[in-house]
């Protein structure tokens, strides 16, 4: 089975580090973020399994995992429907993220987190590498890990889980990653700038940058979603 241009750059590496269930979840998540699986459409596990060239079991397990994140919802005897969200839903998600993430960023800048900064900067470099390769899947993965690690420094695992779910849902209707040239040059720089402000113990500056970061993520895509198509295929181990 070959790789997909939006499915990741190194299928062998994916096979080594991810289970088949995780590979399927990652491939479906990428299709959702890229707009290649459409809101309101029901996808059956057997049909996706045929597309992926795997059994239906890991596909069904992966879709159940994504249902926990609020990205799809089970439809009895049919499969899984891609969740639809209204503008009000997205506003609620944005408001919750502001309430949860901005104060934590301010606290990290106020209290300091010097020991965590090298690891966080390494994640930004992974993110920058994905941006340079225009690899949507690796970018989303690195971006999610960066923000989970950053919030995790505060020591509240429940908050990290809640924000991860909100971020996953927001991606369904936010700007499609790496589609706008002007954004590519700013992505890694903005993440490094946030760490610079935290390192400089500048809570006000860090909070303001995080507020702008969240405002950008609330934007809807500039154009219509691409026509529905099959999601990228995960590689079999």
C-alpha atoms as a PDB file:
ATOM      1  CA  UNK A   1       0.000   0.000   0.000  1.00  0.00           C
ATOM      2  CA  UNK A   2       1.485   3.369  -0.986  1.00  0.00           C
ATOM      3  CA  UNK A   3       1.652   6.575   0.976  1.00  0.00           C
ATOM      4  CA  UNK A   4      -0.684   9.531   0.485  1.00  0.00           C
ATOM      5  CA  UNK A   5       0.697  13.056   0.069  1.00  0.00           C
ATOM      6  CA  UNK A   6      -1.237  14.127   3.160  1.00  0.00           C
ATOM      7  CA  UNK A   7      -0.804  10.839   4.961  1.00  0.00           C
ATOM      8  CA  UNK A   8       2.734  11.308   6.269  1.00  0.00           C
ATOM      9  CA  UNK A   9       6.208  11.135   4.807  1.00  0.00           C
ATOM     10  CA  UNK A  10       7.515   7.863   6.122  1.00  0.00           C
ATOM     11  CA  UNK A  11       5.130   4.938   6.156  1.00  0.00           C
ATOM     12  CA  UNK A  12       7.763   2.602   7.528  1.00  0.00           C
ATOM     13  CA  UNK A  13       8.351   4.924  10.450  1.00  0.00           C
ATOM     14  CA  UNK A  14       4.617   5.082  11.128  1.00  0.00           C
ATOM     15  CA  UNK A  15       4.416   1.294  11.080  1.00  0.00           C
ATOM     16  CA  UNK A  16       7.156   1.110  13.672  1.00  0.00           C
ATOM     17  CA  UNK A  17       5.809   3.633  16.124  1.00  0.00           C
ATOM     18  CA  UNK A  18       2.029   3.316  15.699  1.00  0.00           C
ATOM     19  CA  UNK A  19      -0.371   0.408  15.987  1.00  0.00           C
ATOM     20  CA  UNK A  20      -2.702  -0.237  13.075  1.00  0.00           C
ATOM     21  CA  UNK A  21      -5.559   1.205  15.104  1.00  0.00           C
ATOM     22  CA  UNK A  22      -3.542   4.382  15.705  1.00  0.00           C
ATOM     23  CA  UNK A  23      -2.545   4.596  12.043  1.00  0.00           C
ATOM     24  CA  UNK A  24      -6.175   4.425  10.968  1.00  0.00           C
ATOM     25  CA  UNK A  25      -7.173   7.069  13.518  1.00  0.00           C
ATOM     26  CA  UNK A  26      -4.358   9.310  12.317  1.00  0.00           C
ATOM     27  CA  UNK A  27      -5.333   8.877   8.661  1.00  0.00           C
ATOM     28  CA  UNK A  28      -9.000   9.586   9.340  1.00  0.00           C
ATOM     29  CA  UNK A  29      -8.118  12.610  11.484  1.00  0.00           C
ATOM     30  CA  UNK A  30      -5.990  13.953   8.629  1.00  0.00           C
ATOM     31  CA  UNK A  31      -8.863  13.513   6.181  1.00  0.00           C
ATOM     32  CA  UNK A  32     -11.176  15.376   8.546  1.00  0.00           C
ATOM     33  CA  UNK A  33      -8.752  18.259   9.030  1.00  0.00           C
ATOM     34  CA  UNK A  34      -8.115  18.495   5.288  1.00  0.00           C
ATOM     35  CA  UNK A  35     -11.847  18.530   4.562  1.00  0.00           C
ATOM     36  CA  UNK A  36     -11.754  15.272   2.593  1.00  0.00           C
ATOM     37  CA  UNK A  37     -14.334  13.603   4.830  1.00  0.00           C
ATOM     38  CA  UNK A  38     -17.400  15.779   4.972  1.00  0.00           C
ATOM     39  CA  UNK A  39     -19.616  16.797   7.911  1.00  0.00           C
ATOM     40  CA  UNK A  40     -22.935  14.969   7.969  1.00  0.00           C
ATOM     41  CA  UNK A  41     -21.717  12.086   5.789  1.00  0.00           C
ATOM     42  CA  UNK A  42     -21.894   8.567   7.244  1.00  0.00           C
ATOM     43  CA  UNK A  43     -18.855   6.343   6.648  1.00  0.00           C
ATOM     44  CA  UNK A  44     -19.037   2.616   7.372  1.00  0.00           C
ATOM     45  CA  UNK A  45     -16.179   0.782   9.030  1.00  0.00           C
ATOM     46  CA  UNK A  46     -16.213  -2.035   6.425  1.00  0.00           C
ATOM     47  CA  UNK A  47     -16.045   0.450   3.540  1.00  0.00           C
ATOM     48  CA  UNK A  48     -13.128   2.302   5.114  1.00  0.00           C
ATOM     49  CA  UNK A  49     -11.476  -1.023   5.907  1.00  0.00           C
ATOM     50  CA  UNK A  50     -11.688  -1.973   2.242  1.00  0.00           C
ATOM     51  CA  UNK A  51     -10.179   1.375   1.309  1.00  0.00           C
ATOM     52  CA  UNK A  52      -7.346   0.890   3.792  1.00  0.00           C
ATOM     53  CA  UNK A  53      -6.783  -2.771   2.981  1.00  0.00           C
ATOM     54  CA  UNK A  54      -7.179  -3.822   6.606  1.00  0.00           C
ATOM     55  CA  UNK A  55      -9.815  -5.645   8.637  1.00  0.00           C
ATOM     56  CA  UNK A  56     -12.832  -3.755   9.929  1.00  0.00           C
ATOM     57  CA  UNK A  57     -11.849  -4.205  13.587  1.00  0.00           C
ATOM     58  CA  UNK A  58      -9.017  -1.621  13.829  1.00  0.00           C
ATOM     59  CA  UNK A  59     -11.080   0.798  11.731  1.00  0.00           C
ATOM     60  CA  UNK A  60     -14.054   0.464  14.054  1.00  0.00           C
ATOM     61  CA  UNK A  61     -11.792   0.863  17.098  1.00  0.00           C
ATOM     62  CA  UNK A  62     -10.171   3.961  15.596  1.00  0.00           C
ATOM     63  CA  UNK A  63     -13.555   5.521  14.836  1.00  0.00           C
ATOM     64  CA  UNK A  64     -14.690   4.837  18.402  1.00  0.00           C
ATOM     65  CA  UNK A  65     -11.568   6.648  19.618  1.00  0.00           C
ATOM     66  CA  UNK A  66     -12.411   9.606  17.381  1.00  0.00           C
ATOM     67  CA  UNK A  67     -15.996   9.548  18.641  1.00  0.00           C
ATOM     68  CA  UNK A  68     -14.647  10.103  22.161  1.00  0.00           C
ATOM     69  CA  UNK A  69     -13.008  13.281  20.850  1.00  0.00           C
ATOM     70  CA  UNK A  70     -16.317  14.446  19.402  1.00  0.00           C
ATOM     71  CA  UNK A  71     -15.155  14.217  15.780  1.00  0.00           C
ATOM     72  CA  UNK A  72     -17.573  11.515  14.628  1.00  0.00           C
ATOM     73  CA  UNK A  73     -20.708   9.976  16.085  1.00  0.00           C
ATOM     74  CA  UNK A  74     -21.988   6.387  15.785  1.00  0.00           C
ATOM     75  CA  UNK A  75     -25.048   5.799  13.623  1.00  0.00           C
ATOM     76  CA  UNK A  76     -26.805   2.552  14.486  1.00  0.00           C
ATOM     77  CA  UNK A  77     -26.380  -0.169  11.854  1.00  0.00           C
ATOM     78  CA  UNK A  78     -24.775   2.275   9.419  1.00  0.00           C
ATOM     79  CA  UNK A  79     -21.392   3.478  10.611  1.00  0.00           C
ATOM     80  CA  UNK A  80     -20.057   6.805  11.814  1.00  0.00           C
ATOM     81  CA  UNK A  81     -21.189  10.285  10.842  1.00  0.00           C
ATOM     82  CA  UNK A  82     -18.705  13.155  10.701  1.00  0.00           C
ATOM     83  CA  UNK A  83     -19.925  15.599  13.279  1.00  0.00           C
ATOM     84  CA  UNK A  84     -21.459  18.864  12.102  1.00  0.00           C
ATOM     85  CA  UNK A  85     -20.941  22.034  14.118  1.00  0.00           C
ATOM     86  CA  UNK A  86     -22.721  25.346  14.029  1.00  0.00           C
ATOM     87  CA  UNK A  87     -21.081  28.742  14.340  1.00  0.00           C
ATOM     88  CA  UNK A  88     -22.431  28.840  17.896  1.00  0.00           C
ATOM     89  CA  UNK A  89     -20.699  25.537  18.677  1.00  0.00           C
ATOM     90  CA  UNK A  90     -17.391  26.931  17.431  1.00  0.00           C
ATOM     91  CA  UNK A  91     -17.861  30.133  19.408  1.00  0.00           C
ATOM     92  CA  UNK A  92     -18.455  28.043  22.535  1.00  0.00           C
ATOM     93  CA  UNK A  93     -15.274  26.048  21.875  1.00  0.00           C
ATOM     94  CA  UNK A  94     -13.291  29.249  21.311  1.00  0.00           C
ATOM     95  CA  UNK A  95     -14.635  30.820  24.518  1.00  0.00           C
ATOM     96  CA  UNK A  96     -13.750  27.714  26.530  1.00  0.00           C
ATOM     97  CA  UNK A  97     -10.253  27.596  25.091  1.00  0.00           C
ATOM     98  CA  UNK A  98      -9.688  31.246  26.018  1.00  0.00           C
ATOM     99  CA  UNK A  99     -10.890  30.593  29.565  1.00  0.00           C
ATOM    100  CA  UNK A 100      -8.676  27.525  29.955  1.00  0.00           C
ATOM    101  CA  UNK A 101      -5.515  28.172  27.956  1.00  0.00           C
ATOM    102  CA  UNK A 102      -4.756  31.871  28.348  1.00  0.00           C
ATOM    103  CA  UNK A 103      -4.571  31.921  32.176  1.00  0.00           C
ATOM    104  CA  UNK A 104      -2.372  28.805  32.170  1.00  0.00           C
ATOM    105  CA  UNK A 105       0.051  30.423  29.719  1.00  0.00           C
ATOM    106  CA  UNK A 106       0.149  33.523  31.894  1.00  0.00           C
ATOM    107  CA  UNK A 107       0.853  31.401  34.978  1.00  0.00           C
ATOM    108  CA  UNK A 108       3.698  29.561  33.228  1.00  0.00           C
ATOM    109  CA  UNK A 109       5.260  32.899  32.247  1.00  0.00           C
ATOM    110  CA  UNK A 110       4.840  34.253  35.755  1.00  0.00           C
ATOM    111  CA  UNK A 111       6.185  31.188  37.564  1.00  0.00           C
ATOM    112  CA  UNK A 112       8.738  30.092  34.966  1.00  0.00           C
ATOM    113  CA  UNK A 113       9.308  26.662  33.426  1.00  0.00           C
ATOM    114  CA  UNK A 114      12.953  26.730  32.354  1.00  0.00           C
ATOM    115  CA  UNK A 115      13.405  22.953  32.536  1.00  0.00           C
ATOM    116  CA  UNK A 116      10.595  22.354  30.029  1.00  0.00           C
ATOM    117  CA  UNK A 117      11.716  24.897  27.422  1.00  0.00           C
ATOM    118  CA  UNK A 118      14.327  22.773  25.580  1.00  0.00           C
ATOM    119  CA  UNK A 119      11.817  19.985  24.972  1.00  0.00           C
ATOM    120  CA  UNK A 120       9.183  22.483  23.873  1.00  0.00           C
ATOM    121  CA  UNK A 121      11.585  24.136  21.441  1.00  0.00           C
ATOM    122  CA  UNK A 122      12.446  20.715  20.008  1.00  0.00           C
ATOM    123  CA  UNK A 123       8.746  20.174  19.328  1.00  0.00           C
ATOM    124  CA  UNK A 124       8.603  23.532  17.548  1.00  0.00           C
ATOM    125  CA  UNK A 125      11.450  22.364  15.314  1.00  0.00           C
ATOM    126  CA  UNK A 126       9.461  19.223  14.480  1.00  0.00           C
ATOM    127  CA  UNK A 127       6.538  21.471  13.659  1.00  0.00           C
ATOM    128  CA  UNK A 128       8.749  23.693  11.485  1.00  0.00           C
ATOM    129  CA  UNK A 129      10.057  20.646   9.623  1.00  0.00           C
ATOM    130  CA  UNK A 130       6.492  19.512   8.871  1.00  0.00           C
ATOM    131  CA  UNK A 131       5.626  23.026   7.653  1.00  0.00           C
ATOM    132  CA  UNK A 132       8.656  23.025   5.337  1.00  0.00           C
ATOM    133  CA  UNK A 133       7.510  19.705   3.873  1.00  0.00           C
ATOM    134  CA  UNK A 134       3.875  20.854   3.723  1.00  0.00           C
ATOM    135  CA  UNK A 135       3.009  17.657   5.596  1.00  0.00           C
ATOM    136  CA  UNK A 136      -0.392  18.308   7.154  1.00  0.00           C
ATOM    137  CA  UNK A 137      -0.480  15.125   9.224  1.00  0.00           C
ATOM    138  CA  UNK A 138       2.942  15.615  10.808  1.00  0.00           C
ATOM    139  CA  UNK A 139       2.188  19.303  11.370  1.00  0.00           C
ATOM    140  CA  UNK A 140      -1.071  18.611  13.195  1.00  0.00           C
ATOM    141  CA  UNK A 141       0.645  15.894  15.242  1.00  0.00           C
ATOM    142  CA  UNK A 142       3.562  18.150  16.244  1.00  0.00           C
ATOM    143  CA  UNK A 143       1.276  21.107  16.972  1.00  0.00           C
ATOM    144  CA  UNK A 144      -0.989  19.004  19.188  1.00  0.00           C
ATOM    145  CA  UNK A 145       1.980  17.532  21.061  1.00  0.00           C
ATOM    146  CA  UNK A 146       3.500  20.989  21.563  1.00  0.00           C
ATOM    147  CA  UNK A 147       0.351  22.434  23.106  1.00  0.00           C
ATOM    148  CA  UNK A 148      -0.329  19.324  25.199  1.00  0.00           C
ATOM    149  CA  UNK A 149       3.247  19.407  26.532  1.00  0.00           C
ATOM    150  CA  UNK A 150       3.066  23.146  27.190  1.00  0.00           C
ATOM    151  CA  UNK A 151      -0.191  22.952  29.110  1.00  0.00           C
ATOM    152  CA  UNK A 152       1.009  19.790  30.817  1.00  0.00           C
ATOM    153  CA  UNK A 153       3.821  21.721  32.474  1.00  0.00           C
ATOM    154  CA  UNK A 154       1.155  23.249  34.717  1.00  0.00           C
ATOM    155  CA  UNK A 155       0.489  19.772  36.121  1.00  0.00           C
ATOM    156  CA  UNK A 156      -3.249  19.530  35.419  1.00  0.00           C
ATOM    157  CA  UNK A 157      -3.779  16.375  33.368  1.00  0.00           C
ATOM    158  CA  UNK A 158      -7.551  16.841  33.264  1.00  0.00           C
ATOM    159  CA  UNK A 159      -7.150  20.280  31.680  1.00  0.00           C
ATOM    160  CA  UNK A 160      -4.786  18.840  29.069  1.00  0.00           C
ATOM    161  CA  UNK A 161      -7.378  16.214  28.105  1.00  0.00           C
ATOM    162  CA  UNK A 162     -10.220  18.731  27.897  1.00  0.00           C
ATOM    163  CA  UNK A 163      -8.217  21.151  25.761  1.00  0.00           C
ATOM    164  CA  UNK A 164      -7.065  18.335  23.469  1.00  0.00           C
ATOM    165  CA  UNK A 165     -10.710  17.445  22.815  1.00  0.00           C
ATOM    166  CA  UNK A 166     -11.630  21.088  22.171  1.00  0.00           C
ATOM    167  CA  UNK A 167      -8.674  21.500  19.795  1.00  0.00           C
ATOM    168  CA  UNK A 168      -9.649  18.376  17.873  1.00  0.00           C
ATOM    169  CA  UNK A 169     -13.210  19.610  17.429  1.00  0.00           C
ATOM    170  CA  UNK A 170     -12.105  23.115  16.434  1.00  0.00           C
ATOM    171  CA  UNK A 171      -9.880  21.722  13.679  1.00  0.00           C
ATOM    172  CA  UNK A 172     -12.913  20.391  11.802  1.00  0.00           C
ATOM    173  CA  UNK A 173     -13.974  23.916  10.849  1.00  0.00           C
ATOM    174  CA  UNK A 174     -10.926  26.073  11.478  1.00  0.00           C
ATOM    175  CA  UNK A 175      -8.370  27.201   8.898  1.00  0.00           C
ATOM    176  CA  UNK A 176      -6.976  24.253   6.965  1.00  0.00           C
ATOM    177  CA  UNK A 177      -3.338  23.851   7.975  1.00  0.00           C
ATOM    178  CA  UNK A 178      -0.596  24.882   5.568  1.00  0.00           C
ATOM    179  CA  UNK A 179      -2.961  26.075   2.826  1.00  0.00           C
ATOM    180  CA  UNK A 180      -2.071  29.758   3.092  1.00  0.00           C
ATOM    181  CA  UNK A 181       1.474  30.755   2.132  1.00  0.00           C
ATOM    182  CA  UNK A 182       1.521  33.758   4.466  1.00  0.00           C
ATOM    183  CA  UNK A 183       0.820  31.526   7.447  1.00  0.00           C
ATOM    184  CA  UNK A 184       3.615  29.044   6.765  1.00  0.00           C
ATOM    185  CA  UNK A 185       6.398  31.491   7.502  1.00  0.00           C
ATOM    186  CA  UNK A 186       4.772  32.604  10.736  1.00  0.00           C
ATOM    187  CA  UNK A 187       3.772  29.313  12.336  1.00  0.00           C
ATOM    188  CA  UNK A 188       7.071  28.195  13.876  1.00  0.00           C
ATOM    189  CA  UNK A 189       8.137  31.791  14.592  1.00  0.00           C
ATOM    190  CA  UNK A 190       4.964  32.418  16.587  1.00  0.00           C
ATOM    191  CA  UNK A 191       5.473  29.280  18.657  1.00  0.00           C
ATOM    192  CA  UNK A 192       9.083  30.231  19.402  1.00  0.00           C
ATOM    193  CA  UNK A 193       7.928  33.759  20.260  1.00  0.00           C
ATOM    194  CA  UNK A 194       5.467  32.349  22.784  1.00  0.00           C
ATOM    195  CA  UNK A 195       8.293  30.413  24.428  1.00  0.00           C
ATOM    196  CA  UNK A 196      10.481  33.544  24.368  1.00  0.00           C
ATOM    197  CA  UNK A 197       7.801  35.463  26.286  1.00  0.00           C
ATOM    198  CA  UNK A 198       7.430  32.642  28.805  1.00  0.00           C
ATOM    199  CA  UNK A 199      11.206  32.482  29.245  1.00  0.00           C
ATOM    200  CA  UNK A 200      11.315  36.263  29.704  1.00  0.00           C
ATOM    201  CA  UNK A 201       8.692  36.001  32.471  1.00  0.00           C
ATOM    202  CA  UNK A 202       6.279  38.258  30.540  1.00  0.00           C
ATOM    203  CA  UNK A 203       2.777  37.048  31.483  1.00  0.00           C
ATOM    204  CA  UNK A 204       0.932  39.891  29.761  1.00  0.00           C
ATOM    205  CA  UNK A 205       2.837  39.413  26.516  1.00  0.00           C
ATOM    206  CA  UNK A 206       2.418  35.637  26.574  1.00  0.00           C
ATOM    207  CA  UNK A 207      -1.309  35.895  27.260  1.00  0.00           C
ATOM    208  CA  UNK A 208      -1.810  38.403  24.447  1.00  0.00           C
ATOM    209  CA  UNK A 209       0.073  36.235  21.960  1.00  0.00           C
ATOM    210  CA  UNK A 210      -1.976  33.202  23.001  1.00  0.00           C
ATOM    211  CA  UNK A 211      -5.159  35.245  22.588  1.00  0.00           C
ATOM    212  CA  UNK A 212      -4.148  36.147  19.022  1.00  0.00           C
ATOM    213  CA  UNK A 213      -3.202  32.522  18.345  1.00  0.00           C
ATOM    214  CA  UNK A 214      -6.648  31.349  19.433  1.00  0.00           C
ATOM    215  CA  UNK A 215      -8.364  34.092  17.437  1.00  0.00           C
ATOM    216  CA  UNK A 216      -6.634  32.883  14.282  1.00  0.00           C
ATOM    217  CA  UNK A 217      -7.696  29.295  14.933  1.00  0.00           C
ATOM    218  CA  UNK A 218     -11.335  30.433  15.226  1.00  0.00           C
ATOM    219  CA  UNK A 219     -11.327  31.625  11.605  1.00  0.00           C
ATOM    220  CA  UNK A 220     -13.293  29.545   9.136  1.00  0.00           C
ATOM    221  CA  UNK A 221     -11.575  28.273   5.980  1.00  0.00           C
ATOM    222  CA  UNK A 222     -11.071  30.896   3.300  1.00  0.00           C
ATOM    223  CA  UNK A 223     -12.744  28.825   0.606  1.00  0.00           C
ATOM    224  CA  UNK A 224     -15.023  25.842   0.169  1.00  0.00           C
ATOM    225  CA  UNK A 225     -13.829  22.460   1.285  1.00  0.00           C
ATOM    226  CA  UNK A 226     -12.384  20.184  -1.386  1.00  0.00           C
ATOM    227  CA  UNK A 227     -14.766  17.714  -2.968  1.00  0.00           C
ATOM    228  CA  UNK A 228     -15.296  14.595  -0.874  1.00  0.00           C
ATOM    229  CA  UNK A 229     -12.709  11.923  -1.512  1.00  0.00           C
ATOM    230  CA  UNK A 230     -11.348   8.824   0.102  1.00  0.00           C
ATOM    231  CA  UNK A 231      -9.164   9.463   3.154  1.00  0.00           C
ATOM    232  CA  UNK A 232      -5.473   8.643   2.944  1.00  0.00           C
ATOM    233  CA  UNK A 233      -4.510   5.045   3.523  1.00  0.00           C
ATOM    234  CA  UNK A 234      -2.466   4.116   6.584  1.00  0.00           C
ATOM    235  CA  UNK A 235       0.443   1.788   5.998  1.00  0.00           C
ATOM    236  CA  UNK A 236       0.129  -1.756   7.204  1.00  0.00           C
ATOM    237  CA  UNK A 237       2.887  -2.804   9.591  1.00  0.00           C
END
